[in-house]
Amino acid sequence: MAWVAAILRCAASVALLFAAPACADDGEDPPEDMCKLGYLGEPGAEIQMEVVALDSSEVSRPVSDGDVVDIVMPPQGGRVIFLGARATNLSACGVQLSGTIRDTGSGRIMSESRTVNLRPTGDGWGASVDADISTFANVGVCNNNWSSRDVFDQDYEIEVTVKDREGRVAKQTRQVRPACNEPELEVECRCICKHGYILGERCE
């Protein structure tokens, strides 16, 4: 049976030959964070933030109580409100951004969250980027199958939250009035955003 032992010794050698490279250290470092935007503001200080919304002209503006926010048609269809943030005293990289709109009558909400990098604005703050809608929470509001009333020309509450890599959170709420402010798309907007809209309903 000496020939059997020889074959087994040979097979073991071949197995080790092929297994060795998988165990070898190739000297490469693990992938490093590609975001190089740095820290915004003062390390360790409480996060400060402001709510911004992207309007139908693709310009973001600060949002105060009572403001109109535009209902916009995004590339994926339907209608959204683009909610973003300006913030300081946190890393610009890997910020979890959440946007919510609430029907204050029924309590129903629509929300969206994503991880974004805030672009430094040169004053210690960073912000969602007007030219990049992926840096805003794309909060779907229409087709309206969720609210107890029209989405447009009614008062709603919005909430924007930022959470940094350390788990620190800042949150702001605003009372706003969404509006269909894209003239060429206004008829469809007011149709699919009305209370009681039925999917597939024809918008004249």
C-alpha atoms as a PDB file:
ATOM      1  CA  MET A   1       0.000   0.000   0.000  1.00  0.00           C
ATOM      2  CA  ALA A   2       3.063   2.219  -0.210  1.00  0.00           C
ATOM      3  CA  TRP A   3       1.771   3.666  -3.478  1.00  0.00           C
ATOM      4  CA  VAL A   4      -1.435   4.848  -1.725  1.00  0.00           C
ATOM      5  CA  ALA A   5       0.574   6.699   0.928  1.00  0.00           C
ATOM      6  CA  ALA A   6       2.672   8.303  -1.784  1.00  0.00           C
ATOM      7  CA  ILE A   7      -0.417   9.541  -3.617  1.00  0.00           C
ATOM      8  CA  LEU A   8      -1.856  10.973  -0.399  1.00  0.00           C
ATOM      9  CA  ARG A   9       1.424  12.765   0.354  1.00  0.00           C
ATOM     10  CA  CYS A  10       1.418  14.203  -3.156  1.00  0.00           C
ATOM     11  CA  ALA A  11      -2.192  15.363  -2.908  1.00  0.00           C
ATOM     12  CA  ALA A  12      -1.477  17.072   0.402  1.00  0.00           C
ATOM     13  CA  SER A  13       1.495  18.887  -1.108  1.00  0.00           C
ATOM     14  CA  VAL A  14      -0.602  20.112  -4.034  1.00  0.00           C
ATOM     15  CA  ALA A  15      -3.338  21.314  -1.698  1.00  0.00           C
ATOM     16  CA  LEU A  16      -0.828  23.261   0.365  1.00  0.00           C
ATOM     17  CA  LEU A  17       0.660  24.741  -2.787  1.00  0.00           C
ATOM     18  CA  PHE A  18      -2.690  26.140  -3.874  1.00  0.00           C
ATOM     19  CA  ALA A  19      -3.820  27.171  -0.401  1.00  0.00           C
ATOM     20  CA  ALA A  20      -0.665  29.085   0.502  1.00  0.00           C
ATOM     21  CA  PRO A  21      -1.271  32.179  -1.639  1.00  0.00           C
ATOM     22  CA  ALA A  22      -4.718  32.657  -0.085  1.00  0.00           C
ATOM     23  CA  CYS A  23      -3.107  32.899   3.340  1.00  0.00           C
ATOM     24  CA  ALA A  24      -0.213  35.096   2.337  1.00  0.00           C
ATOM     25  CA  ASP A  25      -0.106  38.741   3.356  1.00  0.00           C
ATOM     26  CA  ASP A  26       0.013  40.783   0.166  1.00  0.00           C
ATOM     27  CA  GLY A  27       1.034  43.885   2.087  1.00  0.00           C
ATOM     28  CA  GLU A  28      -1.992  45.931   0.936  1.00  0.00           C
ATOM     29  CA  ASP A  29      -3.804  48.158   3.396  1.00  0.00           C
ATOM     30  CA  PRO A  30      -7.597  47.892   3.730  1.00  0.00           C
ATOM     31  CA  PRO A  31      -9.558  50.366   1.566  1.00  0.00           C
ATOM     32  CA  GLU A  32      -9.545  53.778   3.170  1.00  0.00           C
ATOM     33  CA  ASP A  33     -12.395  56.258   3.372  1.00  0.00           C
ATOM     34  CA  MET A  34     -12.579  58.103   0.066  1.00  0.00           C
ATOM     35  CA  CYS A  35     -14.244  61.153   1.592  1.00  0.00           C
ATOM     36  CA  LYS A  36     -11.647  63.842   2.259  1.00  0.00           C
ATOM     37  CA  LEU A  37     -13.947  66.740   3.133  1.00  0.00           C
ATOM     38  CA  GLY A  38     -12.775  66.915   6.734  1.00  0.00           C
ATOM     39  CA  TYR A  39     -14.459  68.275   9.836  1.00  0.00           C
ATOM     40  CA  LEU A  40     -16.909  71.157   9.890  1.00  0.00           C
ATOM     41  CA  GLY A  41     -16.843  73.634  12.760  1.00  0.00           C
ATOM     42  CA  GLU A  42     -15.617  72.831  16.242  1.00  0.00           C
ATOM     43  CA  PRO A  43     -14.934  69.204  17.261  1.00  0.00           C
ATOM     44  CA  GLY A  44     -16.981  68.168  20.277  1.00  0.00           C
ATOM     45  CA  ALA A  45     -19.379  71.101  20.070  1.00  0.00           C
ATOM     46  CA  GLU A  46     -23.111  70.510  19.746  1.00  0.00           C
ATOM     47  CA  ILE A  47     -24.258  69.997  16.167  1.00  0.00           C
ATOM     48  CA  GLN A  48     -26.042  73.008  14.699  1.00  0.00           C
ATOM     49  CA  MET A  49     -28.198  72.709  11.615  1.00  0.00           C
ATOM     50  CA  GLU A  50     -30.611  74.510   9.338  1.00  0.00           C
ATOM     51  CA  VAL A  51     -33.334  73.033   7.118  1.00  0.00           C
ATOM     52  CA  VAL A  52     -33.100  73.707   3.386  1.00  0.00           C
ATOM     53  CA  ALA A  53     -35.326  72.634   0.507  1.00  0.00           C
ATOM     54  CA  LEU A  54     -34.536  72.440  -3.200  1.00  0.00           C
ATOM     55  CA  ASP A  55     -37.069  74.383  -5.252  1.00  0.00           C
ATOM     56  CA  SER A  56     -38.344  73.865  -8.793  1.00  0.00           C
ATOM     57  CA  SER A  57     -35.541  76.064 -10.183  1.00  0.00           C
ATOM     58  CA  GLU A  58     -32.975  73.687  -8.645  1.00  0.00           C
ATOM     59  CA  VAL A  59     -31.844  76.191  -6.019  1.00  0.00           C
ATOM     60  CA  SER A  60     -31.882  75.345  -2.321  1.00  0.00           C
ATOM     61  CA  ARG A  61     -33.255  77.830   0.177  1.00  0.00           C
ATOM     62  CA  PRO A  62     -33.520  77.946   3.970  1.00  0.00           C
ATOM     63  CA  VAL A  63     -36.953  76.930   5.258  1.00  0.00           C
ATOM     64  CA  SER A  64     -38.774  78.853   7.994  1.00  0.00           C
ATOM     65  CA  ASP A  65     -42.197  78.271   9.517  1.00  0.00           C
ATOM     66  CA  GLY A  66     -44.937  79.278   7.083  1.00  0.00           C
ATOM     67  CA  ASP A  67     -42.767  78.968   3.967  1.00  0.00           C
ATOM     68  CA  VAL A  68     -43.885  77.407   0.700  1.00  0.00           C
ATOM     69  CA  VAL A  69     -41.875  74.347  -0.374  1.00  0.00           C
ATOM     70  CA  ASP A  70     -42.010  73.155  -3.958  1.00  0.00           C
ATOM     71  CA  ILE A  71     -43.381  69.771  -4.998  1.00  0.00           C
ATOM     72  CA  VAL A  72     -40.962  68.673  -7.726  1.00  0.00           C
ATOM     73  CA  MET A  73     -40.935  65.955 -10.369  1.00  0.00           C
ATOM     74  CA  PRO A  74     -37.755  63.871  -9.891  1.00  0.00           C
ATOM     75  CA  PRO A  75     -36.063  61.669 -12.517  1.00  0.00           C
ATOM     76  CA  GLN A  76     -37.784  58.574 -11.104  1.00  0.00           C
ATOM     77  CA  GLY A  77     -41.274  60.041 -11.610  1.00  0.00           C
ATOM     78  CA  GLY A  78     -44.038  60.883  -9.172  1.00  0.00           C
ATOM     79  CA  ARG A  79     -43.492  63.979  -7.042  1.00  0.00           C
ATOM     80  CA  VAL A  80     -41.141  64.646  -4.144  1.00  0.00           C
ATOM     81  CA  ILE A  81     -40.043  67.350  -1.782  1.00  0.00           C
ATOM     82  CA  PHE A  82     -36.257  67.642  -1.672  1.00  0.00           C
ATOM     83  CA  LEU A  83     -35.262  68.226   1.966  1.00  0.00           C
ATOM     84  CA  GLY A  84     -31.641  68.938   2.867  1.00  0.00           C
ATOM     85  CA  ALA A  85     -29.527  70.505   5.567  1.00  0.00           C
ATOM     86  CA  ARG A  86     -26.779  72.955   6.425  1.00  0.00           C
ATOM     87  CA  ALA A  87     -24.824  71.838   9.455  1.00  0.00           C
ATOM     88  CA  THR A  88     -21.676  72.435  11.485  1.00  0.00           C
ATOM     89  CA  ASN A  89     -19.709  70.809  14.325  1.00  0.00           C
ATOM     90  CA  LEU A  90     -19.617  67.384  12.682  1.00  0.00           C
ATOM     91  CA  SER A  91     -17.651  65.485  10.059  1.00  0.00           C
ATOM     92  CA  ALA A  92     -18.740  66.386   6.537  1.00  0.00           C
ATOM     93  CA  CYS A  93     -18.489  62.720   5.598  1.00  0.00           C
ATOM     94  CA  GLY A  94     -21.008  59.935   6.132  1.00  0.00           C
ATOM     95  CA  VAL A  95     -23.868  62.025   7.518  1.00  0.00           C
ATOM     96  CA  GLN A  96     -27.195  60.214   7.799  1.00  0.00           C
ATOM     97  CA  LEU A  97     -29.841  62.607   6.496  1.00  0.00           C
ATOM     98  CA  SER A  98     -33.542  61.941   7.085  1.00  0.00           C
ATOM     99  CA  GLY A  99     -36.518  63.930   5.819  1.00  0.00           C
ATOM    100  CA  THR A 100     -40.150  63.507   6.843  1.00  0.00           C
ATOM    101  CA  ILE A 101     -43.437  65.172   5.959  1.00  0.00           C
ATOM    102  CA  ARG A 102     -46.383  64.738   8.317  1.00  0.00           C
ATOM    103  CA  ASP A 103     -50.101  65.166   7.738  1.00  0.00           C
ATOM    104  CA  THR A 104     -50.910  66.846  11.040  1.00  0.00           C
ATOM    105  CA  GLY A 105     -54.566  65.922  10.707  1.00  0.00           C
ATOM    106  CA  SER A 106     -54.138  62.156  10.432  1.00  0.00           C
ATOM    107  CA  GLY A 107     -50.608  61.823  11.760  1.00  0.00           C
ATOM    108  CA  ARG A 108     -49.563  59.898   8.657  1.00  0.00           C
ATOM    109  CA  ILE A 109     -46.051  60.464   7.374  1.00  0.00           C
ATOM    110  CA  MET A 110     -43.846  59.955   4.351  1.00  0.00           C
ATOM    111  CA  SER A 111     -40.093  59.822   4.921  1.00  0.00           C
ATOM    112  CA  GLU A 112     -36.773  58.989   3.299  1.00  0.00           C
ATOM    113  CA  SER A 113     -33.237  58.551   4.661  1.00  0.00           C
ATOM    114  CA  ARG A 114     -29.827  58.325   3.055  1.00  0.00           C
ATOM    115  CA  THR A 115     -26.123  58.757   3.830  1.00  0.00           C
ATOM    116  CA  VAL A 116     -24.607  61.904   2.325  1.00  0.00           C
ATOM    117  CA  ASN A 117     -21.457  64.000   2.350  1.00  0.00           C
ATOM    118  CA  LEU A 118     -22.030  67.678   3.123  1.00  0.00           C
ATOM    119  CA  ARG A 119     -20.060  70.061   0.927  1.00  0.00           C
ATOM    120  CA  PRO A 120     -18.070  72.641   2.963  1.00  0.00           C
ATOM    121  CA  THR A 121     -19.259  76.191   2.273  1.00  0.00           C
ATOM    122  CA  GLY A 122     -16.118  77.947   3.527  1.00  0.00           C
ATOM    123  CA  ASP A 123     -17.598  79.268   6.756  1.00  0.00           C
ATOM    124  CA  GLY A 124     -17.278  76.170   8.938  1.00  0.00           C
ATOM    125  CA  TRP A 125     -20.583  74.791   7.676  1.00  0.00           C
ATOM    126  CA  GLY A 126     -21.442  72.143   5.099  1.00  0.00           C
ATOM    127  CA  ALA A 127     -24.594  71.657   3.058  1.00  0.00           C
ATOM    128  CA  SER A 128     -26.560  69.544   0.631  1.00  0.00           C
ATOM    129  CA  VAL A 129     -25.447  70.314  -2.934  1.00  0.00           C
ATOM    130  CA  ASP A 130     -27.948  71.967  -5.292  1.00  0.00           C
ATOM    131  CA  ALA A 131     -26.561  70.184  -8.363  1.00  0.00           C
ATOM    132  CA  ASP A 132     -26.753  66.758  -6.710  1.00  0.00           C
ATOM    133  CA  ILE A 133     -30.229  65.618  -5.647  1.00  0.00           C
ATOM    134  CA  SER A 134     -28.690  62.549  -4.008  1.00  0.00           C
ATOM    135  CA  THR A 135     -27.538  64.867  -1.182  1.00  0.00           C
ATOM    136  CA  PHE A 136     -31.172  65.651  -0.348  1.00  0.00           C
ATOM    137  CA  ALA A 137     -33.801  63.389   1.184  1.00  0.00           C
ATOM    138  CA  ASN A 138     -36.150  62.660  -1.739  1.00  0.00           C
ATOM    139  CA  VAL A 139     -39.402  62.531   0.224  1.00  0.00           C
ATOM    140  CA  GLY A 140     -42.125  61.042  -1.980  1.00  0.00           C
ATOM    141  CA  VAL A 141     -45.459  62.851  -1.581  1.00  0.00           C
ATOM    142  CA  CYS A 142     -47.358  61.971  -4.775  1.00  0.00           C
ATOM    143  CA  ASN A 143     -48.991  59.839  -6.018  1.00  0.00           C
ATOM    144  CA  ASN A 144     -51.085  60.802  -3.024  1.00  0.00           C
ATOM    145  CA  ASN A 145     -52.300  57.580  -1.473  1.00  0.00           C
ATOM    146  CA  TRP A 146     -51.270  58.455   2.064  1.00  0.00           C
ATOM    147  CA  SER A 147     -52.609  61.859   3.137  1.00  0.00           C
ATOM    148  CA  SER A 148     -56.132  62.643   4.332  1.00  0.00           C
ATOM    149  CA  ARG A 149     -56.175  65.799   2.165  1.00  0.00           C
ATOM    150  CA  ASP A 150     -54.551  67.421  -0.847  1.00  0.00           C
ATOM    151  CA  VAL A 151     -50.776  67.626  -0.543  1.00  0.00           C
ATOM    152  CA  PHE A 152     -50.633  71.039  -2.247  1.00  0.00           C
ATOM    153  CA  ASP A 153     -51.844  74.339  -0.764  1.00  0.00           C
ATOM    154  CA  GLN A 154     -52.323  72.766   2.667  1.00  0.00           C
ATOM    155  CA  ASP A 155     -50.299  73.105   5.870  1.00  0.00           C
ATOM    156  CA  TYR A 156     -47.948  70.228   6.690  1.00  0.00           C
ATOM    157  CA  GLU A 157     -45.090  69.628   9.088  1.00  0.00           C
ATOM    158  CA  ILE A 158     -41.634  68.681   7.840  1.00  0.00           C
ATOM    159  CA  GLU A 159     -38.778  67.320   9.923  1.00  0.00           C
ATOM    160  CA  VAL A 160     -35.114  67.048   8.948  1.00  0.00           C
ATOM    161  CA  THR A 161     -32.601  65.056  10.991  1.00  0.00           C
ATOM    162  CA  VAL A 162     -28.829  64.725  10.669  1.00  0.00           C
ATOM    163  CA  LYS A 163     -26.837  62.031  12.449  1.00  0.00           C
ATOM    164  CA  ASP A 164     -23.038  61.948  12.391  1.00  0.00           C
ATOM    165  CA  ARG A 165     -20.699  58.969  12.505  1.00  0.00           C
ATOM    166  CA  GLU A 166     -20.485  59.225  16.284  1.00  0.00           C
ATOM    167  CA  GLY A 167     -24.242  58.838  16.598  1.00  0.00           C
ATOM    168  CA  ARG A 168     -24.909  62.449  17.577  1.00  0.00           C
ATOM    169  CA  VAL A 169     -28.224  63.790  16.297  1.00  0.00           C
ATOM    170  CA  ALA A 170     -29.667  67.196  15.453  1.00  0.00           C
ATOM    171  CA  LYS A 171     -33.276  67.724  14.374  1.00  0.00           C
ATOM    172  CA  GLN A 172     -35.422  70.627  13.164  1.00  0.00           C
ATOM    173  CA  THR A 173     -39.140  70.835  12.345  1.00  0.00           C
ATOM    174  CA  ARG A 174     -40.983  73.411  10.262  1.00  0.00           C
ATOM    175  CA  GLN A 175     -44.604  74.168   9.409  1.00  0.00           C
ATOM    176  CA  VAL A 176     -44.793  74.554   5.633  1.00  0.00           C
ATOM    177  CA  ARG A 177     -47.185  74.683   2.694  1.00  0.00           C
ATOM    178  CA  PRO A 178     -46.239  72.445  -0.272  1.00  0.00           C
ATOM    179  CA  ALA A 179     -47.073  73.831  -3.713  1.00  0.00           C
ATOM    180  CA  CYS A 180     -47.137  72.699  -7.356  1.00  0.00           C
ATOM    181  CA  ASN A 181     -44.752  75.332  -8.711  1.00  0.00           C
ATOM    182  CA  GLU A 182     -43.636  73.783 -12.005  1.00  0.00           C
ATOM    183  CA  PRO A 183     -45.921  75.607 -14.492  1.00  0.00           C
ATOM    184  CA  GLU A 184     -45.578  73.108 -17.339  1.00  0.00           C
ATOM    185  CA  LEU A 185     -46.351  70.230 -14.965  1.00  0.00           C
ATOM    186  CA  GLU A 186     -48.876  71.917 -12.688  1.00  0.00           C
ATOM    187  CA  VAL A 187     -51.993  70.150 -14.032  1.00  0.00           C
ATOM    188  CA  GLU A 188     -50.530  66.699 -13.509  1.00  0.00           C
ATOM    189  CA  CYS A 189     -49.103  67.700 -10.125  1.00  0.00           C
ATOM    190  CA  ARG A 190     -52.438  68.913  -8.820  1.00  0.00           C
ATOM    191  CA  CYS A 191     -54.077  65.751 -10.155  1.00  0.00           C
ATOM    192  CA  ILE A 192     -51.781  63.116  -8.659  1.00  0.00           C
ATOM    193  CA  CYS A 193     -51.291  65.074  -5.431  1.00  0.00           C
ATOM    194  CA  LYS A 194     -54.988  65.566  -4.677  1.00  0.00           C
ATOM    195  CA  HIS A 195     -56.763  63.687  -1.922  1.00  0.00           C
ATOM    196  CA  GLY A 196     -58.360  60.498  -3.229  1.00  0.00           C
ATOM    197  CA  TYR A 197     -56.178  60.155  -6.324  1.00  0.00           C
ATOM    198  CA  ILE A 198     -56.457  56.655  -7.796  1.00  0.00           C
ATOM    199  CA  LEU A 199     -53.377  55.185  -9.461  1.00  0.00           C
ATOM    200  CA  GLY A 200     -53.871  55.209 -13.213  1.00  0.00           C
ATOM    201  CA  GLU A 201     -56.508  57.943 -13.086  1.00  0.00           C
ATOM    202  CA  ARG A 202     -56.318  60.170 -16.163  1.00  0.00           C
ATOM    203  CA  CYS A 203     -55.139  63.716 -15.492  1.00  0.00           C
ATOM    204  CA  GLU A 204     -56.721  66.106 -17.979  1.00  0.00           C
END
